[in-house]
Amino acid sequence: MAKEKKDYVKPANTFLDKGVTIRAQKLSGSETVRIDGTFIGDIDLDGHLQVGESGYIQGNMQVSYALIAGEVFGNILCRATVHLSSSARVHGDITTGRVIMDEGSVFHGSCKTRDDEPEIVVI
């Protein structure tokens, strides 16, 4: 029997709202972060990252899980799953265990899944 993998979107503890821009060298932490504004800089999270439809990130990221509905310019290194919703626009390379791309999402770059449990799902 194959083991069932489930990724859950955790509630965000930290928010960057619309109309707010942060330019920083790095955002790091272990909680779930939601970005609906603009973040320019690298992101290193042990937690989940949510990029809302109005969210914009320019920088590389290393996260446990990413749910992207906005725009990202940079490479994504993710330990579990990268989920691109239908409004997502990603310009950069993705390395992850699993990729989910909803119909309508835009992805310009290369995608590599880890060798231990590769899975690409297009819905």
N, C-alpha and C. Protein backbone atom coordinates (compact mmCIF):
# COMPACT_ATOMS: atom_id res chain seq x y z
N MET A 1 0.85 -1.18 0.00
CA MET A 1 0.00 0.00 0.00
C MET A 1 0.89 1.24 0.00
N ALA A 2 0.66 2.12 -0.96
CA ALA A 2 1.47 3.35 -1.06
C ALA A 2 1.10 4.30 0.07
N LYS A 3 2.13 4.95 0.59
CA LYS A 3 1.84 5.90 1.66
C LYS A 3 1.20 7.15 1.06
N GLU A 4 0.31 7.73 1.78
CA GLU A 4 -0.41 8.92 1.32
C GLU A 4 0.31 10.16 1.81
N LYS A 5 0.62 11.05 0.86
CA LYS A 5 1.28 12.31 1.21
C LYS A 5 0.23 13.41 1.24
N LYS A 6 0.24 14.20 2.28
CA LYS A 6 -0.68 15.33 2.38
C LYS A 6 0.10 16.55 2.80
N ASP A 7 -0.12 17.63 2.10
CA ASP A 7 0.44 18.92 2.47
C ASP A 7 -0.74 19.82 2.80
N TYR A 8 -0.65 20.46 3.91
CA TYR A 8 -1.73 21.33 4.33
C TYR A 8 -1.23 22.76 4.38
N VAL A 9 -2.08 23.67 3.95
CA VAL A 9 -1.74 25.08 4.06
C VAL A 9 -2.01 25.48 5.50
N LYS A 10 -0.95 25.85 6.19
CA LYS A 10 -1.09 26.24 7.59
C LYS A 10 -1.50 27.70 7.67
N PRO A 11 -2.26 28.09 8.68
CA PRO A 11 -2.63 29.49 8.85
C PRO A 11 -1.37 30.35 9.04
N ALA A 12 -1.36 31.51 8.41
CA ALA A 12 -0.20 32.39 8.49
C ALA A 12 -0.16 33.12 9.82
N ASN A 13 1.04 33.26 10.39
CA ASN A 13 1.25 34.02 11.62
C ASN A 13 1.80 35.40 11.29
N THR A 14 2.42 35.55 10.12
CA THR A 14 3.07 36.78 9.73
C THR A 14 2.54 37.21 8.37
N PHE A 15 2.18 38.50 8.25
CA PHE A 15 1.57 39.01 7.02
C PHE A 15 2.32 40.22 6.50
N LEU A 16 2.43 40.30 5.18
CA LEU A 16 2.88 41.50 4.49
C LEU A 16 1.73 41.87 3.57
N ASP A 17 1.00 42.92 3.92
CA ASP A 17 -0.25 43.24 3.23
C ASP A 17 -0.03 44.05 1.97
N LYS A 18 -1.09 44.17 1.16
CA LYS A 18 -1.07 44.98 -0.06
C LYS A 18 -0.63 46.39 0.27
N GLY A 19 0.09 47.00 -0.65
CA GLY A 19 0.51 48.37 -0.46
C GLY A 19 1.78 48.53 0.36
N VAL A 20 2.31 47.42 0.88
CA VAL A 20 3.53 47.48 1.69
C VAL A 20 4.66 46.83 0.90
N THR A 21 5.81 47.51 0.86
CA THR A 21 7.01 46.99 0.20
C THR A 21 8.13 46.90 1.22
N ILE A 22 8.78 45.75 1.25
CA ILE A 22 9.94 45.57 2.11
C ILE A 22 11.11 45.15 1.23
N ARG A 23 12.22 45.89 1.38
CA ARG A 23 13.48 45.54 0.73
C ARG A 23 14.43 45.13 1.84
N ALA A 24 14.87 43.88 1.79
CA ALA A 24 15.73 43.37 2.86
C ALA A 24 16.71 42.37 2.26
N GLN A 25 17.79 42.15 2.96
CA GLN A 25 18.74 41.15 2.50
C GLN A 25 18.13 39.76 2.59
N LYS A 26 17.44 39.48 3.72
CA LYS A 26 16.86 38.15 3.91
C LYS A 26 15.72 38.18 4.91
N LEU A 27 14.68 37.41 4.60
CA LEU A 27 13.59 37.14 5.54
C LEU A 27 13.77 35.69 5.97
N SER A 28 13.87 35.45 7.28
CA SER A 28 14.03 34.08 7.75
C SER A 28 13.14 33.86 8.97
N GLY A 29 12.83 32.59 9.23
CA GLY A 29 12.00 32.25 10.37
C GLY A 29 11.53 30.81 10.27
N SER A 30 10.65 30.45 11.20
CA SER A 30 10.14 29.08 11.23
C SER A 30 8.62 29.02 11.20
N GLU A 31 7.98 30.15 11.00
CA GLU A 31 6.52 30.21 10.99
C GLU A 31 5.99 30.27 9.56
N THR A 32 4.68 30.31 9.41
CA THR A 32 4.04 30.48 8.11
C THR A 32 3.92 31.97 7.81
N VAL A 33 4.35 32.37 6.63
CA VAL A 33 4.35 33.77 6.22
C VAL A 33 3.46 33.91 4.99
N ARG A 34 2.62 34.95 4.99
CA ARG A 34 1.79 35.27 3.82
C ARG A 34 2.21 36.63 3.30
N ILE A 35 2.45 36.70 1.99
CA ILE A 35 2.86 37.95 1.36
C ILE A 35 1.81 38.35 0.33
N ASP A 36 1.14 39.48 0.59
CA ASP A 36 0.20 40.06 -0.35
C ASP A 36 0.75 41.37 -0.91
N GLY A 37 1.84 41.85 -0.35
CA GLY A 37 2.50 43.06 -0.81
C GLY A 37 3.72 42.69 -1.63
N THR A 38 4.78 43.51 -1.53
CA THR A 38 6.01 43.31 -2.30
C THR A 38 7.17 43.04 -1.35
N PHE A 39 7.90 41.97 -1.64
CA PHE A 39 9.10 41.66 -0.87
C PHE A 39 10.25 41.51 -1.85
N ILE A 40 11.30 42.31 -1.65
CA ILE A 40 12.49 42.23 -2.49
C ILE A 40 13.64 41.78 -1.60
N GLY A 41 14.14 40.60 -1.85
CA GLY A 41 15.19 39.99 -1.04
C GLY A 41 14.99 38.49 -1.00
N ASP A 42 15.89 37.79 -0.37
CA ASP A 42 15.81 36.33 -0.28
C ASP A 42 14.95 35.90 0.91
N ILE A 43 14.37 34.72 0.80
CA ILE A 43 13.51 34.18 1.85
C ILE A 43 14.03 32.81 2.25
N ASP A 44 14.20 32.58 3.55
CA ASP A 44 14.66 31.30 4.08
C ASP A 44 13.76 30.95 5.25
N LEU A 45 12.78 30.07 5.00
CA LEU A 45 11.78 29.73 6.01
C LEU A 45 11.77 28.23 6.29
N ASP A 46 11.73 27.87 7.56
CA ASP A 46 11.47 26.48 7.92
C ASP A 46 9.97 26.21 7.82
N GLY A 47 9.19 27.25 7.76
CA GLY A 47 7.74 27.13 7.68
C GLY A 47 7.23 27.22 6.25
N HIS A 48 5.94 27.52 6.13
CA HIS A 48 5.28 27.61 4.84
C HIS A 48 5.30 29.05 4.35
N LEU A 49 5.28 29.21 3.02
CA LEU A 49 5.17 30.52 2.40
C LEU A 49 3.93 30.55 1.53
N GLN A 50 3.12 31.59 1.74
CA GLN A 50 1.94 31.81 0.91
C GLN A 50 2.12 33.15 0.21
N VAL A 51 1.99 33.15 -1.11
CA VAL A 51 2.08 34.39 -1.88
C VAL A 51 0.69 34.61 -2.48
N GLY A 52 -0.01 35.63 -1.97
CA GLY A 52 -1.36 35.92 -2.44
C GLY A 52 -1.36 36.46 -3.86
N GLU A 53 -2.55 36.61 -4.45
CA GLU A 53 -2.68 37.07 -5.84
C GLU A 53 -2.00 38.41 -6.07
N SER A 54 -2.01 39.28 -5.08
CA SER A 54 -1.37 40.59 -5.24
C SER A 54 0.08 40.57 -4.77
N GLY A 55 0.57 39.43 -4.32
CA GLY A 55 1.93 39.30 -3.81
C GLY A 55 2.96 39.30 -4.91
N TYR A 56 4.11 39.91 -4.61
CA TYR A 56 5.22 40.00 -5.56
C TYR A 56 6.51 39.77 -4.80
N ILE A 57 7.30 38.81 -5.26
CA ILE A 57 8.60 38.54 -4.63
C ILE A 57 9.67 38.59 -5.71
N GLN A 58 10.73 39.32 -5.39
CA GLN A 58 11.92 39.33 -6.25
C GLN A 58 13.08 38.86 -5.40
N GLY A 59 13.49 37.62 -5.59
CA GLY A 59 14.56 37.03 -4.79
C GLY A 59 14.42 35.53 -4.76
N ASN A 60 15.45 34.88 -4.31
CA ASN A 60 15.44 33.42 -4.20
C ASN A 60 14.82 33.00 -2.88
N MET A 61 14.23 31.81 -2.87
CA MET A 61 13.61 31.35 -1.63
C MET A 61 13.94 29.89 -1.35
N GLN A 62 14.03 29.61 -0.06
CA GLN A 62 14.19 28.24 0.43
C GLN A 62 13.14 28.07 1.51
N VAL A 63 12.17 27.16 1.27
CA VAL A 63 11.03 27.01 2.16
C VAL A 63 10.67 25.53 2.31
N SER A 64 9.80 25.25 3.27
CA SER A 64 9.30 23.88 3.43
C SER A 64 8.15 23.59 2.47
N TYR A 65 7.28 24.58 2.27
CA TYR A 65 6.10 24.43 1.42
C TYR A 65 5.79 25.80 0.85
N ALA A 66 5.39 25.86 -0.42
CA ALA A 66 5.05 27.15 -1.03
C ALA A 66 3.74 27.04 -1.78
N LEU A 67 2.82 27.94 -1.46
CA LEU A 67 1.57 28.10 -2.20
C LEU A 67 1.65 29.47 -2.86
N ILE A 68 1.72 29.49 -4.18
CA ILE A 68 1.95 30.74 -4.89
C ILE A 68 0.76 31.06 -5.78
N ALA A 69 0.18 32.25 -5.53
CA ALA A 69 -0.91 32.75 -6.36
C ALA A 69 -0.52 34.06 -7.03
N GLY A 70 0.59 34.66 -6.61
CA GLY A 70 1.06 35.93 -7.16
C GLY A 70 2.25 35.72 -8.08
N GLU A 71 3.17 36.70 -8.07
CA GLU A 71 4.30 36.68 -8.99
C GLU A 71 5.62 36.55 -8.24
N VAL A 72 6.49 35.67 -8.76
CA VAL A 72 7.80 35.43 -8.16
C VAL A 72 8.85 35.50 -9.26
N PHE A 73 9.88 36.33 -9.01
CA PHE A 73 11.06 36.39 -9.86
C PHE A 73 12.23 35.89 -9.03
N GLY A 74 12.60 34.62 -9.19
CA GLY A 74 13.69 34.03 -8.42
C GLY A 74 13.55 32.53 -8.37
N ASN A 75 14.57 31.89 -7.89
CA ASN A 75 14.58 30.44 -7.80
C ASN A 75 13.93 29.98 -6.50
N ILE A 76 13.27 28.82 -6.57
CA ILE A 76 12.58 28.26 -5.42
C ILE A 76 13.19 26.90 -5.09
N LEU A 77 13.68 26.76 -3.87
CA LEU A 77 14.15 25.48 -3.34
C LEU A 77 13.20 25.11 -2.22
N CYS A 78 12.47 24.01 -2.40
CA CYS A 78 11.41 23.66 -1.46
C CYS A 78 11.56 22.21 -1.02
N ARG A 79 11.44 21.98 0.29
CA ARG A 79 11.61 20.64 0.83
C ARG A 79 10.42 19.73 0.55
N ALA A 80 9.22 20.25 0.47
CA ALA A 80 8.03 19.40 0.28
C ALA A 80 7.35 19.67 -1.06
N THR A 81 6.44 20.65 -1.09
CA THR A 81 5.61 20.88 -2.28
C THR A 81 5.58 22.35 -2.67
N VAL A 82 5.67 22.59 -3.96
CA VAL A 82 5.40 23.92 -4.53
C VAL A 82 4.08 23.79 -5.27
N HIS A 83 3.12 24.63 -4.89
CA HIS A 83 1.80 24.62 -5.52
C HIS A 83 1.60 25.97 -6.21
N LEU A 84 1.48 25.95 -7.54
CA LEU A 84 1.21 27.16 -8.30
C LEU A 84 -0.27 27.19 -8.62
N SER A 85 -0.99 28.17 -8.06
CA SER A 85 -2.41 28.28 -8.32
C SER A 85 -2.61 28.88 -9.71
N SER A 86 -3.83 28.97 -10.15
CA SER A 86 -4.13 29.40 -11.52
C SER A 86 -3.66 30.82 -11.82
N SER A 87 -3.50 31.66 -10.81
CA SER A 87 -3.07 33.04 -11.02
C SER A 87 -1.56 33.22 -10.83
N ALA A 88 -0.83 32.16 -10.54
CA ALA A 88 0.61 32.25 -10.26
C ALA A 88 1.41 32.56 -11.52
N ARG A 89 2.48 33.35 -11.32
CA ARG A 89 3.43 33.65 -12.38
C ARG A 89 4.82 33.52 -11.77
N VAL A 90 5.54 32.49 -12.17
CA VAL A 90 6.86 32.22 -11.60
C VAL A 90 7.90 32.29 -12.71
N HIS A 91 8.94 33.10 -12.47
CA HIS A 91 10.05 33.27 -13.41
C HIS A 91 11.32 32.87 -12.67
N GLY A 92 11.72 31.61 -12.80
CA GLY A 92 12.88 31.09 -12.10
C GLY A 92 12.81 29.58 -12.04
N ASP A 93 13.84 28.98 -11.52
CA ASP A 93 13.93 27.53 -11.44
C ASP A 93 13.32 27.02 -10.13
N ILE A 94 12.72 25.84 -10.20
CA ILE A 94 12.11 25.20 -9.02
C ILE A 94 12.80 23.87 -8.78
N THR A 95 13.24 23.64 -7.55
CA THR A 95 13.74 22.34 -7.11
C THR A 95 12.93 21.95 -5.89
N THR A 96 12.26 20.81 -5.96
CA THR A 96 11.33 20.43 -4.89
C THR A 96 11.07 18.93 -4.92
N GLY A 97 10.32 18.46 -3.95
CA GLY A 97 9.91 17.07 -3.93
C GLY A 97 8.68 16.84 -4.79
N ARG A 98 7.82 17.86 -4.90
CA ARG A 98 6.55 17.70 -5.59
C ARG A 98 6.11 19.06 -6.12
N VAL A 99 5.57 19.08 -7.32
CA VAL A 99 5.07 20.32 -7.92
C VAL A 99 3.63 20.11 -8.34
N ILE A 100 2.78 21.08 -7.98
CA ILE A 100 1.39 21.08 -8.43
C ILE A 100 1.18 22.38 -9.19
N MET A 101 0.72 22.29 -10.44
CA MET A 101 0.47 23.47 -11.26
C MET A 101 -0.98 23.46 -11.70
N ASP A 102 -1.74 24.42 -11.20
CA ASP A 102 -3.13 24.54 -11.62
C ASP A 102 -3.19 25.10 -13.03
N GLU A 103 -4.24 24.75 -13.76
CA GLU A 103 -4.42 25.26 -15.11
C GLU A 103 -4.47 26.79 -15.08
N GLY A 104 -3.73 27.43 -15.96
CA GLY A 104 -3.68 28.88 -16.00
C GLY A 104 -2.43 29.46 -15.37
N SER A 105 -1.73 28.67 -14.56
CA SER A 105 -0.49 29.18 -13.95
C SER A 105 0.56 29.34 -15.04
N VAL A 106 1.48 30.30 -14.81
CA VAL A 106 2.54 30.59 -15.77
C VAL A 106 3.87 30.28 -15.09
N PHE A 107 4.71 29.50 -15.77
CA PHE A 107 6.00 29.12 -15.21
C PHE A 107 7.05 29.21 -16.30
N HIS A 108 8.06 30.07 -16.08
CA HIS A 108 9.19 30.21 -16.98
C HIS A 108 10.45 29.82 -16.21
N GLY A 109 11.04 28.69 -16.55
CA GLY A 109 12.22 28.22 -15.86
C GLY A 109 12.33 26.72 -16.00
N SER A 110 13.20 26.13 -15.21
CA SER A 110 13.32 24.68 -15.22
C SER A 110 12.82 24.15 -13.88
N CYS A 111 12.40 22.90 -13.91
CA CYS A 111 11.87 22.27 -12.70
C CYS A 111 12.57 20.95 -12.49
N LYS A 112 13.06 20.76 -11.27
CA LYS A 112 13.72 19.50 -10.93
C LYS A 112 13.11 19.00 -9.64
N THR A 113 12.67 17.74 -9.66
CA THR A 113 12.17 17.13 -8.43
C THR A 113 13.29 16.29 -7.84
N ARG A 114 13.28 16.22 -6.51
CA ARG A 114 14.30 15.42 -5.83
C ARG A 114 14.14 13.96 -6.22
N ASP A 115 15.22 13.23 -6.17
CA ASP A 115 15.22 11.82 -6.58
C ASP A 115 14.49 10.90 -5.61
N ASP A 116 14.35 11.32 -4.34
CA ASP A 116 13.76 10.41 -3.36
C ASP A 116 12.26 10.19 -3.59
N GLU A 117 11.50 11.23 -3.93
CA GLU A 117 10.07 11.07 -4.17
C GLU A 117 9.60 12.06 -5.23
N PRO A 118 10.04 11.92 -6.48
CA PRO A 118 9.65 12.89 -7.50
C PRO A 118 8.19 12.76 -7.88
N GLU A 119 7.54 13.90 -8.06
CA GLU A 119 6.15 13.88 -8.49
C GLU A 119 5.79 15.26 -9.03
N ILE A 120 5.30 15.30 -10.25
CA ILE A 120 4.79 16.53 -10.83
C ILE A 120 3.32 16.28 -11.16
N VAL A 121 2.46 17.15 -10.66
CA VAL A 121 1.03 17.01 -10.85
C VAL A 121 0.52 18.24 -11.55
N VAL A 122 -0.17 18.06 -12.67
CA VAL A 122 -0.77 19.18 -13.39
C VAL A 122 -2.28 19.01 -13.30
N ILE A 123 -2.95 20.04 -12.74
CA ILE A 123 -4.40 19.98 -12.62
C ILE A 123 -5.05 21.16 -13.29
